[in-house]
Amino acid sequence: MPVTAETLAKDFRTDKAAAEAKYGGKLLEVTGKVHDVYGKENSGQPTVILWGYQEKTEVPMLVQCYFVQAQQNRAAETKKDEQVKVRGVCTPSTGLGSGTFVPLKECDFAP
């Protein structure tokens, strides 16, 4: 299911229960701009954060992408502000994130 990172994050910010029903457990193809890449130095597994949605002065809602082993080198080389398309399973009920992230697991880069 194609969706922008902004739409995905906005849906979760606006109505988490409805967004979980719509996206939870589904394979999504998310397009967005890279906010940050972190984790490789700590866990060895790079995590790519995509800009999501922010209204006025509230804390932004971001999309957090956890990559499959075969894509981790490419994820680590991803640059801030780069436009990417990522495929991953939306897993909002796994406890990943802190209420400001929409987690995607088993990610790879879409062509």
C-alpha atoms as a PDB file:
ATOM      1  CA  MET A   1       0.000   0.000   0.000  1.00  0.00           C
ATOM      2  CA  PRO A   2       1.665   3.281  -1.080  1.00  0.00           C
ATOM      3  CA  VAL A   3       1.576   6.194   1.369  1.00  0.00           C
ATOM      4  CA  THR A   4       3.703   9.237   2.135  1.00  0.00           C
ATOM      5  CA  ALA A   5       5.486   9.461   5.478  1.00  0.00           C
ATOM      6  CA  GLU A   6       3.571  12.671   6.162  1.00  0.00           C
ATOM      7  CA  THR A   7       0.156  11.046   5.613  1.00  0.00           C
ATOM      8  CA  LEU A   8       1.083   7.977   7.656  1.00  0.00           C
ATOM      9  CA  ALA A   9       2.328  10.052  10.588  1.00  0.00           C
ATOM     10  CA  LYS A  10      -0.606  12.463  10.416  1.00  0.00           C
ATOM     11  CA  ASP A  11      -3.086   9.573  10.478  1.00  0.00           C
ATOM     12  CA  PHE A  12      -1.428   8.172  13.626  1.00  0.00           C
ATOM     13  CA  ARG A  13      -1.305  11.604  15.273  1.00  0.00           C
ATOM     14  CA  THR A  14      -4.959  12.338  14.451  1.00  0.00           C
ATOM     15  CA  ASP A  15      -6.569   8.967  15.321  1.00  0.00           C
ATOM     16  CA  LYS A  16      -4.189   6.210  16.429  1.00  0.00           C
ATOM     17  CA  ALA A  17      -6.876   3.505  16.685  1.00  0.00           C
ATOM     18  CA  ALA A  18      -8.156   4.153  13.154  1.00  0.00           C
ATOM     19  CA  ALA A  19      -4.595   4.307  11.799  1.00  0.00           C
ATOM     20  CA  GLU A  20      -3.686   1.008  13.486  1.00  0.00           C
ATOM     21  CA  ALA A  21      -6.748  -0.606  11.889  1.00  0.00           C
ATOM     22  CA  LYS A  22      -5.853   0.850   8.479  1.00  0.00           C
ATOM     23  CA  TYR A  23      -2.070   0.261   8.449  1.00  0.00           C
ATOM     24  CA  GLY A  24      -1.192  -2.153  11.264  1.00  0.00           C
ATOM     25  CA  GLY A  25       0.422  -5.385  10.093  1.00  0.00           C
ATOM     26  CA  LYS A  26       0.330  -4.295   6.460  1.00  0.00           C
ATOM     27  CA  LEU A  27       3.221  -3.985   4.031  1.00  0.00           C
ATOM     28  CA  LEU A  28       3.529  -0.294   3.191  1.00  0.00           C
ATOM     29  CA  GLU A  29       5.554   1.525   0.571  1.00  0.00           C
ATOM     30  CA  VAL A  30       6.431   4.808   2.264  1.00  0.00           C
ATOM     31  CA  THR A  31       7.945   7.800   0.485  1.00  0.00           C
ATOM     32  CA  GLY A  32       9.571  10.558   2.485  1.00  0.00           C
ATOM     33  CA  LYS A  33      12.580  12.696   3.329  1.00  0.00           C
ATOM     34  CA  VAL A  34      15.257  11.367   5.696  1.00  0.00           C
ATOM     35  CA  HIS A  35      15.335  13.184   9.041  1.00  0.00           C
ATOM     36  CA  ASP A  36      18.193  11.143  10.556  1.00  0.00           C
ATOM     37  CA  VAL A  37      20.058   7.825  10.534  1.00  0.00           C
ATOM     38  CA  TYR A  38      21.232   6.337  13.818  1.00  0.00           C
ATOM     39  CA  GLY A  39      21.920   3.097  15.648  1.00  0.00           C
ATOM     40  CA  LYS A  40      24.784   1.591  13.654  1.00  0.00           C
ATOM     41  CA  GLU A  41      27.344   2.854  16.166  1.00  0.00           C
ATOM     42  CA  ASN A  42      25.397   1.388  19.119  1.00  0.00           C
ATOM     43  CA  SER A  43      23.594  -1.743  17.988  1.00  0.00           C
ATOM     44  CA  GLY A  44      25.146  -2.320  14.581  1.00  0.00           C
ATOM     45  CA  GLN A  45      21.692  -1.976  13.046  1.00  0.00           C
ATOM     46  CA  PRO A  46      21.074   1.382  11.348  1.00  0.00           C
ATOM     47  CA  THR A  47      17.625   2.891  11.714  1.00  0.00           C
ATOM     48  CA  VAL A  48      16.392   5.468   9.213  1.00  0.00           C
ATOM     49  CA  ILE A  49      13.990   8.131  10.503  1.00  0.00           C
ATOM     50  CA  LEU A  50      11.690   9.832   7.987  1.00  0.00           C
ATOM     51  CA  TRP A  51      10.071  13.215   8.479  1.00  0.00           C
ATOM     52  CA  GLY A  52       6.400  12.722   9.149  1.00  0.00           C
ATOM     53  CA  TYR A  53       3.964  15.287  10.461  1.00  0.00           C
ATOM     54  CA  GLN A  54       4.208  18.292  12.739  1.00  0.00           C
ATOM     55  CA  GLU A  55       1.609  20.901  13.530  1.00  0.00           C
ATOM     56  CA  LYS A  56       2.850  24.239  14.843  1.00  0.00           C
ATOM     57  CA  THR A  57       4.971  23.747  17.973  1.00  0.00           C
ATOM     58  CA  GLU A  58       4.104  20.140  18.831  1.00  0.00           C
ATOM     59  CA  VAL A  59       6.679  17.365  18.813  1.00  0.00           C
ATOM     60  CA  PRO A  60       6.890  15.879  15.301  1.00  0.00           C
ATOM     61  CA  MET A  61       5.493  12.432  14.543  1.00  0.00           C
ATOM     62  CA  LEU A  62       8.194  10.547  12.592  1.00  0.00           C
ATOM     63  CA  VAL A  63       8.434   7.210  10.739  1.00  0.00           C
ATOM     64  CA  GLN A  64      11.115   4.869  12.115  1.00  0.00           C
ATOM     65  CA  CYS A  65      12.431   2.243   9.652  1.00  0.00           C
ATOM     66  CA  TYR A  66      14.200  -0.934  10.814  1.00  0.00           C
ATOM     67  CA  PHE A  67      15.962  -2.627   7.890  1.00  0.00           C
ATOM     68  CA  VAL A  68      16.520  -6.276   6.996  1.00  0.00           C
ATOM     69  CA  GLN A  69      20.146  -7.438   7.233  1.00  0.00           C
ATOM     70  CA  ALA A  70      20.715  -7.280   3.474  1.00  0.00           C
ATOM     71  CA  GLN A  71      19.766  -3.569   3.372  1.00  0.00           C
ATOM     72  CA  GLN A  72      21.597  -2.342   6.478  1.00  0.00           C
ATOM     73  CA  ASN A  73      24.726  -1.129   4.680  1.00  0.00           C
ATOM     74  CA  ARG A  74      22.628   0.917   2.290  1.00  0.00           C
ATOM     75  CA  ALA A  75      20.556   2.244   5.215  1.00  0.00           C
ATOM     76  CA  ALA A  76      23.746   3.326   7.007  1.00  0.00           C
ATOM     77  CA  GLU A  77      24.834   5.283   3.917  1.00  0.00           C
ATOM     78  CA  THR A  78      21.536   7.150   3.631  1.00  0.00           C
ATOM     79  CA  LYS A  79      21.945  10.915   3.987  1.00  0.00           C
ATOM     80  CA  LYS A  80      19.874  13.475   5.849  1.00  0.00           C
ATOM     81  CA  ASP A  81      17.298  15.181   3.578  1.00  0.00           C
ATOM     82  CA  GLU A  82      17.582  12.400   0.975  1.00  0.00           C
ATOM     83  CA  GLN A  83      14.234  11.442  -0.593  1.00  0.00           C
ATOM     84  CA  VAL A  84      13.651   7.672  -0.215  1.00  0.00           C
ATOM     85  CA  LYS A  85      11.017   5.033  -0.853  1.00  0.00           C
ATOM     86  CA  VAL A  86      10.938   2.255   1.742  1.00  0.00           C
ATOM     87  CA  ARG A  87       8.868  -0.931   1.997  1.00  0.00           C
ATOM     88  CA  GLY A  88       8.146  -2.261   5.474  1.00  0.00           C
ATOM     89  CA  VAL A  89       5.512  -3.731   7.763  1.00  0.00           C
ATOM     90  CA  CYS A  90       3.745  -1.207   9.976  1.00  0.00           C
ATOM     91  CA  THR A  91       4.022  -2.435  13.576  1.00  0.00           C
ATOM     92  CA  PRO A  92       2.571   0.265  15.846  1.00  0.00           C
ATOM     93  CA  SER A  93       1.536  -2.111  18.647  1.00  0.00           C
ATOM     94  CA  THR A  94       4.972  -3.686  19.163  1.00  0.00           C
ATOM     95  CA  GLY A  95       6.063  -1.105  21.703  1.00  0.00           C
ATOM     96  CA  LEU A  96       8.758   0.280  19.381  1.00  0.00           C
ATOM     97  CA  GLY A  97       8.890   4.038  19.353  1.00  0.00           C
ATOM     98  CA  SER A  98       7.592   6.312  22.056  1.00  0.00           C
ATOM     99  CA  GLY A  99       4.332   7.655  20.745  1.00  0.00           C
ATOM    100  CA  THR A 100       6.213  10.019  18.453  1.00  0.00           C
ATOM    101  CA  PHE A 101       7.257   7.300  15.989  1.00  0.00           C
ATOM    102  CA  VAL A 102       5.395   5.044  13.597  1.00  0.00           C
ATOM    103  CA  PRO A 103       7.622   1.934  13.387  1.00  0.00           C
ATOM    104  CA  LEU A 104       8.168  -0.036  10.176  1.00  0.00           C
ATOM    105  CA  LYS A 105       9.959  -3.380  10.480  1.00  0.00           C
ATOM    106  CA  GLU A 106      11.571  -5.690   7.897  1.00  0.00           C
ATOM    107  CA  CYS A 107      12.272  -2.687   5.657  1.00  0.00           C
ATOM    108  CA  ASP A 108      14.021  -2.583   2.336  1.00  0.00           C
ATOM    109  CA  PHE A 109      14.467   0.168  -0.220  1.00  0.00           C
ATOM    110  CA  ALA A 110      11.841   0.174  -2.974  1.00  0.00           C
ATOM    111  CA  PRO A 111      12.952   0.770  -6.555  1.00  0.00           C
END
